[in-house]
Structure formats: structure tokens, C-alpha cells
Amino acid sequence: MLSEENMLKFKSNLGKLQNAVGFTWLLRSDQAYSEIVADVESIVFPQEFLEYLQLWVSESYTLDGVKAIQWGRDHEKDGIRVLEENRKVHVTPTGLWLDQCGFIGGSPDGLVNDDGIVEVKCPYKLRS
């Protein structure tokens, strides 16, 4: 489990976590990173998963060159705009939401009212 001090430090940086690149940067740069990895590795995981986790948080892993990923990133705001116009709602941007354990979380694209979560999908195969 993360120490209270490192958990507060981690949570104070959540604004930087707008996407996986930001999440990877934070994990690499935050002092809590080594403690997170130690906690994760202390749980019994298949070696393949631990190798994937190491690759994911290393500088060698990036999705920047994947056309479908870039398409989604480029058009996410368009999807939010269409939702706001068609449903007459305001979507509030949000960052990463962490569970109390400190390494499980989710990052919805936005929030609507007090009870709505927005996750925009822009399928590459449906581009015009």
C-alpha cells in the first residue's frame, strides 16, 4: 500500500493525467513510482504481466505512432461538442480517478451533471 505522504503527492498531480502519456510520465517521474511497482510486484502475477507492466511504464512504450489512437485523440473534442449540442448538456473535463489503493483508476473523458460519465469513442474504421 502507498504511504499516506506518497498517496497525497500522487493525488496532487492528477491534473497532469489527461491521457496515458501523462500517466506514464507521472509514473516515471514521481518518487512514488518505485513504491507502486513494489506493491504491484508483491501480489502474485504471471511473469508475462510483470514484463508488460515494466514495458508500459518505460520510455520505450508509446502509442503515439498508432493511426487509430491519434485519430481518436484528434476527434475526441468533436465528439464531446456533438454530445453537448445534441443533448443540450455541458461536459466537464476530468482527469484520472484513483481507487484508494493508488494504482487502479479510470479516466473518463468528462462528467455530465452529478451522475453522468462521458467516454468518447471515435472509431478509425468509421472515418470519412
Protein backbone atom coordinates (compact mmCIF):
# COMPACT_ATOMS: atom_id res chain seq x y z
CA MET A 1 0.00 0.00 0.00
CA LEU A 2 1.24 3.51 -0.75
CA SER A 3 2.26 5.64 2.20
CA GLU A 4 -0.13 8.47 3.04
CA GLU A 5 2.53 11.01 2.02
CA ASN A 6 3.08 9.43 -1.40
CA MET A 7 -0.66 8.99 -1.95
CA LEU A 8 -1.22 12.72 -1.32
CA LYS A 9 1.67 13.56 -3.63
CA PHE A 10 0.26 11.25 -6.31
CA LYS A 11 -3.24 12.73 -6.00
CA SER A 12 -1.90 16.28 -6.12
CA ASN A 13 -0.52 15.55 -9.60
CA LEU A 14 -3.75 14.15 -11.07
CA GLY A 15 -4.26 17.23 -13.24
CA LYS A 16 -1.27 16.10 -15.30
CA LEU A 17 -3.02 12.85 -16.14
CA GLN A 18 -5.04 13.74 -19.21
CA ASN A 19 -4.04 10.61 -21.14
CA ALA A 20 -1.83 7.54 -20.98
CA VAL A 21 1.22 9.60 -21.94
CA GLY A 22 0.69 11.84 -18.91
CA PHE A 23 0.08 8.81 -16.70
CA THR A 24 3.30 7.19 -17.92
CA TRP A 25 5.21 10.44 -17.36
CA LEU A 26 3.93 10.72 -13.82
CA LEU A 27 4.79 7.13 -13.02
CA ARG A 28 8.31 7.65 -14.35
CA SER A 29 8.91 10.96 -12.64
CA ASP A 30 7.11 10.59 -9.32
CA GLN A 31 9.03 9.21 -6.37
CA ALA A 32 6.01 7.08 -5.54
CA TYR A 33 6.67 5.03 -8.69
CA SER A 34 9.09 2.59 -7.10
CA GLU A 35 6.70 2.02 -4.23
CA ILE A 36 3.81 1.39 -6.65
CA VAL A 37 5.85 -1.17 -8.59
CA ALA A 38 6.95 -2.84 -5.35
CA ASP A 39 3.32 -3.08 -4.23
CA VAL A 40 2.17 -4.45 -7.58
CA GLU A 41 5.02 -6.97 -7.74
CA SER A 42 4.28 -8.16 -4.21
CA ILE A 43 1.00 -9.56 -5.50
CA VAL A 44 1.37 -12.86 -7.33
CA PHE A 45 1.15 -12.06 -11.06
CA PRO A 46 2.26 -14.11 -14.04
CA GLN A 47 5.75 -13.10 -15.20
CA GLU A 48 4.27 -12.05 -18.56
CA PHE A 49 2.11 -9.43 -16.85
CA LEU A 50 5.05 -8.02 -14.86
CA GLU A 51 7.09 -7.76 -18.07
CA TYR A 52 4.19 -5.94 -19.74
CA LEU A 53 3.88 -3.57 -16.77
CA GLN A 54 7.60 -2.77 -16.92
CA LEU A 55 7.34 -2.14 -20.67
CA TRP A 56 4.24 0.05 -20.21
CA VAL A 57 5.90 2.41 -17.73
CA SER A 58 9.22 2.50 -19.56
CA GLU A 59 10.07 5.15 -22.12
CA SER A 60 10.10 2.54 -24.88
CA TYR A 61 6.31 2.02 -24.83
CA THR A 62 4.20 4.57 -26.67
CA LEU A 63 1.01 4.59 -28.71
CA ASP A 64 1.88 7.85 -30.46
CA GLY A 65 2.57 6.17 -33.82
CA VAL A 66 -0.73 4.25 -33.97
CA LYS A 67 -3.02 5.97 -36.51
CA ALA A 68 -6.23 4.79 -34.84
CA ILE A 69 -5.10 6.16 -31.46
CA GLN A 70 -4.15 9.51 -33.00
CA TRP A 71 -7.49 9.66 -34.83
CA GLY A 72 -9.33 9.20 -31.53
CA ARG A 73 -7.26 11.84 -29.77
CA ASP A 74 -7.71 14.31 -32.64
CA HIS A 75 -11.51 13.92 -32.73
CA GLU A 76 -12.42 13.43 -29.07
CA LYS A 77 -13.33 17.11 -28.63
CA ASP A 78 -15.56 16.90 -31.73
CA GLY A 79 -17.47 14.04 -30.11
CA ILE A 80 -17.91 15.99 -26.90
CA ARG A 81 -19.11 19.05 -28.84
CA VAL A 82 -21.71 16.95 -30.73
CA LEU A 83 -22.94 15.42 -27.46
CA GLU A 84 -23.27 18.86 -25.85
CA GLU A 85 -25.16 20.28 -28.85
CA ASN A 86 -27.49 17.30 -29.37
CA ARG A 87 -28.30 16.63 -25.70
CA LYS A 88 -28.14 20.26 -24.53
CA VAL A 89 -25.71 19.39 -21.72
CA HIS A 90 -22.32 20.66 -20.57
CA VAL A 91 -19.48 18.14 -20.34
CA THR A 92 -16.96 18.98 -17.61
CA PRO A 93 -13.44 17.73 -18.38
CA THR A 94 -11.90 15.46 -15.76
CA GLY A 95 -8.65 13.64 -15.16
CA LEU A 96 -7.74 10.32 -13.61
CA TRP A 97 -9.85 8.99 -10.74
CA LEU A 98 -7.84 6.68 -8.49
CA ASP A 99 -9.08 3.98 -6.17
CA GLN A 100 -7.84 4.19 -2.58
CA CYS A 101 -5.24 1.51 -3.38
CA GLY A 102 -3.43 4.08 -5.53
CA PHE A 103 -2.83 2.11 -8.73
CA ILE A 104 -6.30 1.25 -10.02
CA GLY A 105 -8.29 4.01 -11.64
CA GLY A 106 -10.19 5.30 -14.62
CA SER A 107 -10.09 8.43 -16.73
CA PRO A 108 -13.46 9.31 -18.26
CA ASP A 109 -13.45 11.97 -20.96
CA GLY A 110 -15.87 14.09 -18.97
CA LEU A 111 -18.70 14.37 -16.48
CA VAL A 112 -22.32 15.43 -17.08
CA ASN A 113 -24.32 16.78 -14.14
CA ASP A 114 -23.79 14.89 -10.89
CA ASP A 115 -24.23 11.38 -12.20
CA GLY A 116 -23.10 11.14 -15.82
CA ILE A 117 -19.79 9.88 -17.16
CA VAL A 118 -18.74 10.52 -20.77
CA GLU A 119 -16.38 8.22 -22.66
CA VAL A 120 -16.00 9.30 -26.29
CA LYS A 121 -15.13 6.74 -28.96
CA CYS A 122 -14.04 7.81 -32.43
CA PRO A 123 -13.63 4.57 -34.40
CA TYR A 124 -10.90 4.82 -37.00
CA LYS A 125 -12.78 2.47 -39.34
CA LEU A 126 -15.76 4.89 -39.44
CA ARG A 127 -13.71 7.93 -40.53
CA SER A 128 -14.91 9.62 -43.71
